[in-house]
Amino acid sequence: MVTLILLQVIAGRQLRYGQLGSAAPSYPLSLYIYIVENTAHPIWNQTFNFTISKPFPLMSLREGFRCLQLKDSFNEALELAKLLVHIQVCIQNETTSTIPT
């Protein structure tokens, strides 16, 4: 069984130019971003695909729209800095058909 995670990063809020932040929503998956645009509220609408062969730690990942708190390199919350993301988990069985969860 192979799991495909589709992570769409939609937008950010209260981001500062040159800021490095990470979002790790209590899973062994971290998303690191570096702000290069000079705007506090960027819109990306980019989708990232992750193929995972041992999905057991991620089985409790909740699908749908989520607002993730960004943290700095010391794992402290960046005040008001958030990412709006959409998460979809698909399980591929032996016949390579995709089954959305």
Foldseek 3Di string as FASTA:
>chain_A
DKKKKKKWFFKKAQDAAQAWWWFDPPAPDIDIDGHHDHDRMDTDRDIDMDIGPDCVRVPPPDFAWDKTFIAHPVRHTDPPIIIIMGMWMWDADPVRDTHTD
